[in-house]
Protein backbone atom coordinates (compact mmCIF):
# COMPACT_ATOMS: atom_id res chain seq x y z
CA GLU A 1 -7.18 -7.42 258.16
CA GLU A 2 -10.07 -8.38 256.03
CA LEU A 3 -10.46 -11.69 257.65
CA ALA A 4 -10.40 -10.00 261.05
CA ARG A 5 -13.24 -7.67 260.03
CA ALA A 6 -15.18 -10.66 258.58
CA ALA A 7 -14.81 -12.55 261.78
CA MET A 8 -16.02 -9.63 263.83
CA ARG A 9 -19.11 -9.46 261.67
CA GLY A 10 -19.74 -13.13 262.30
CA ALA A 11 -18.86 -14.29 258.81
CA PRO A 12 -17.11 -17.67 258.57
CA VAL A 13 -13.40 -17.70 258.65
CA PRO A 14 -11.60 -20.27 256.62
CA TRP A 15 -10.41 -23.42 258.53
CA ASN A 16 -6.76 -22.97 257.43
CA THR A 17 -6.67 -19.44 258.67
CA MET A 18 -7.98 -20.55 262.16
CA GLY A 19 -5.44 -23.42 262.19
CA ALA A 20 -2.62 -20.99 261.41
CA ALA A 21 -3.84 -18.66 264.17
CA ARG A 22 -3.93 -21.53 266.68
CA HIS A 23 -0.47 -22.68 265.81
CA ALA A 24 0.91 -19.22 265.88
CA ILE A 25 -0.45 -18.62 269.37
CA ALA A 26 -0.02 -22.11 270.78
CA LEU A 27 3.35 -23.18 269.33
CA GLY A 28 4.79 -19.83 268.32
CA PHE A 29 4.12 -17.93 271.51
CA VAL A 30 3.11 -20.10 274.42
CA THR A 31 5.39 -23.00 273.81
CA LEU A 32 8.47 -20.82 273.18
CA LEU A 33 7.61 -18.76 276.21
CA ILE A 34 7.59 -21.95 278.34
CA VAL A 35 10.72 -23.24 276.90
CA GLY A 36 12.53 -19.91 277.40
CA MET A 37 11.34 -19.39 280.98
CA ALA A 38 11.79 -22.99 282.05
CA SER A 39 15.37 -23.11 280.78
CA ARG A 40 16.20 -20.10 282.99
CA VAL A 41 14.13 -20.83 285.96
CA LEU A 42 14.35 -24.61 286.57
CA PRO A 43 18.16 -24.82 286.79
CA VAL A 44 18.14 -21.96 289.31
CA PHE A 45 15.49 -23.72 291.48
CA ALA A 46 17.46 -27.02 291.31
CA GLY A 47 20.79 -25.16 292.00
CA LYS A 48 22.47 -26.62 288.99
CA ARG A 49 23.69 -25.53 285.67
CA LEU A 50 22.04 -26.65 282.38
CA TRP A 51 23.61 -29.76 281.02
CA LYS A 52 24.12 -28.29 277.59
CA ALA A 53 23.18 -24.66 277.01
CA TRP A 54 23.29 -25.08 273.26
CA LEU A 55 20.44 -27.61 273.38
CA VAL A 56 18.14 -24.78 274.44
CA ASP A 57 19.23 -22.87 271.28
CA LEU A 58 18.62 -26.03 269.20
CA ALA A 59 15.17 -26.59 270.68
CA THR A 60 14.18 -22.93 270.09
CA ILE A 61 15.38 -23.09 266.56
CA CYS A 62 13.38 -26.21 265.87
CA LEU A 63 10.27 -24.76 267.47
CA VAL A 64 10.49 -21.41 265.63
CA ALA A 65 11.10 -23.24 262.30
CA SER A 66 8.11 -25.50 262.99
CA ALA A 67 5.80 -22.61 263.81
CA LEU A 68 6.81 -20.50 260.90
CA LEU A 69 6.54 -23.43 258.49
CA ARG A 70 3.07 -24.32 259.83
CA VAL A 71 1.66 -20.86 259.89
CA VAL A 72 3.10 -19.61 256.56
CA VAL A 73 2.11 -22.67 254.63
CA GLU A 74 -1.26 -23.11 256.26
CA THR A 75 -2.11 -19.42 255.62
CA PHE A 76 -1.31 -19.36 251.95
CA ALA A 77 -1.78 -22.91 250.91
CA PRO A 78 -4.11 -25.00 252.90
CA TYR A 79 -4.31 -28.87 253.20
CA GLY A 80 -5.06 -30.56 249.89
CA THR A 81 -3.67 -27.83 247.71
CA SER A 82 -0.72 -29.82 246.53
CA LEU A 83 1.67 -32.65 247.55
CA VAL A 84 4.34 -30.10 248.36
CA THR A 85 2.13 -28.05 250.81
CA GLY A 86 1.06 -31.39 252.43
CA ALA A 87 4.62 -32.50 252.86
CA LEU A 88 5.64 -29.10 254.29
CA LEU A 89 2.73 -29.08 256.75
CA ALA A 90 3.71 -32.61 257.79
CA ALA A 91 7.31 -31.75 258.25
CA SER A 92 6.42 -29.06 260.86
CA GLY A 93 5.22 -31.77 263.38
CA PRO A 94 8.45 -33.65 263.62
CA LEU A 95 10.39 -30.37 263.81
CA ALA A 96 8.28 -29.41 266.83
CA LEU A 97 8.69 -32.82 268.38
CA ILE A 98 12.50 -32.61 267.99
CA GLY A 99 12.46 -29.30 269.71
CA LEU A 100 10.34 -30.41 272.62
CA VAL A 101 12.31 -33.76 273.16
CA THR A 102 15.64 -31.79 272.92
CA PHE A 103 14.46 -29.37 275.62
CA SER A 104 12.99 -32.16 277.82
CA VAL A 105 16.18 -34.16 277.68
CA ASN A 106 18.33 -31.18 278.56
CA ILE A 107 16.10 -30.34 281.58
CA VAL A 108 15.77 -33.88 282.88
CA VAL A 109 19.59 -34.47 282.58
CA SER A 110 20.26 -31.15 284.21
CA ALA A 111 17.98 -32.02 287.15
CA VAL A 112 19.27 -35.63 287.59
CA ARG A 113 22.95 -35.24 287.37
CA GLY A 114 25.09 -34.16 290.23
CA SER A 115 26.72 -30.81 290.15
CA PRO A 116 30.45 -30.80 289.17
CA GLY A 117 32.58 -30.98 292.20
CA MET A 118 29.69 -31.85 294.49
CA GLU A 119 30.42 -34.77 296.85
CA ILE A 120 27.66 -36.86 298.27
CA LYS A 121 27.66 -36.65 302.01
CA ASN A 122 26.91 -39.51 304.31
CA SER A 123 23.73 -39.03 306.31
CA ARG A 124 25.16 -41.02 309.29
CA ARG A 125 27.30 -39.24 311.75
CA GLU A 126 30.60 -41.16 312.27
CA ASP A 127 31.57 -39.57 315.43
CA GLN A 128 28.72 -41.28 317.44
């Protein structure tokens, strides 16, 4: 609250606080919103089921863990404070990457694979 008041007065806000806010909004809200909605909407538009529904849960867990780790550590212990905080901040990136790759693989495989029980019809008419 004090930082918000300082920012409204035009006082400089610490770099780590702004970084934490950016990650909270971009990774913690926008990215999770995209993953959540796309995992519901894209299969419906394609007329197919998700390849593995549990991969959406895994992607969400990785993204939430990454955002929480980044925001909490960056707020209370900025870069350069210690080796442990540097390692924790560095670990948040691969966690987010794992979440995004997991989500992407699930959506791509869902879109490319044929629906179970669906037969490919020949475009030629055989009765001609």
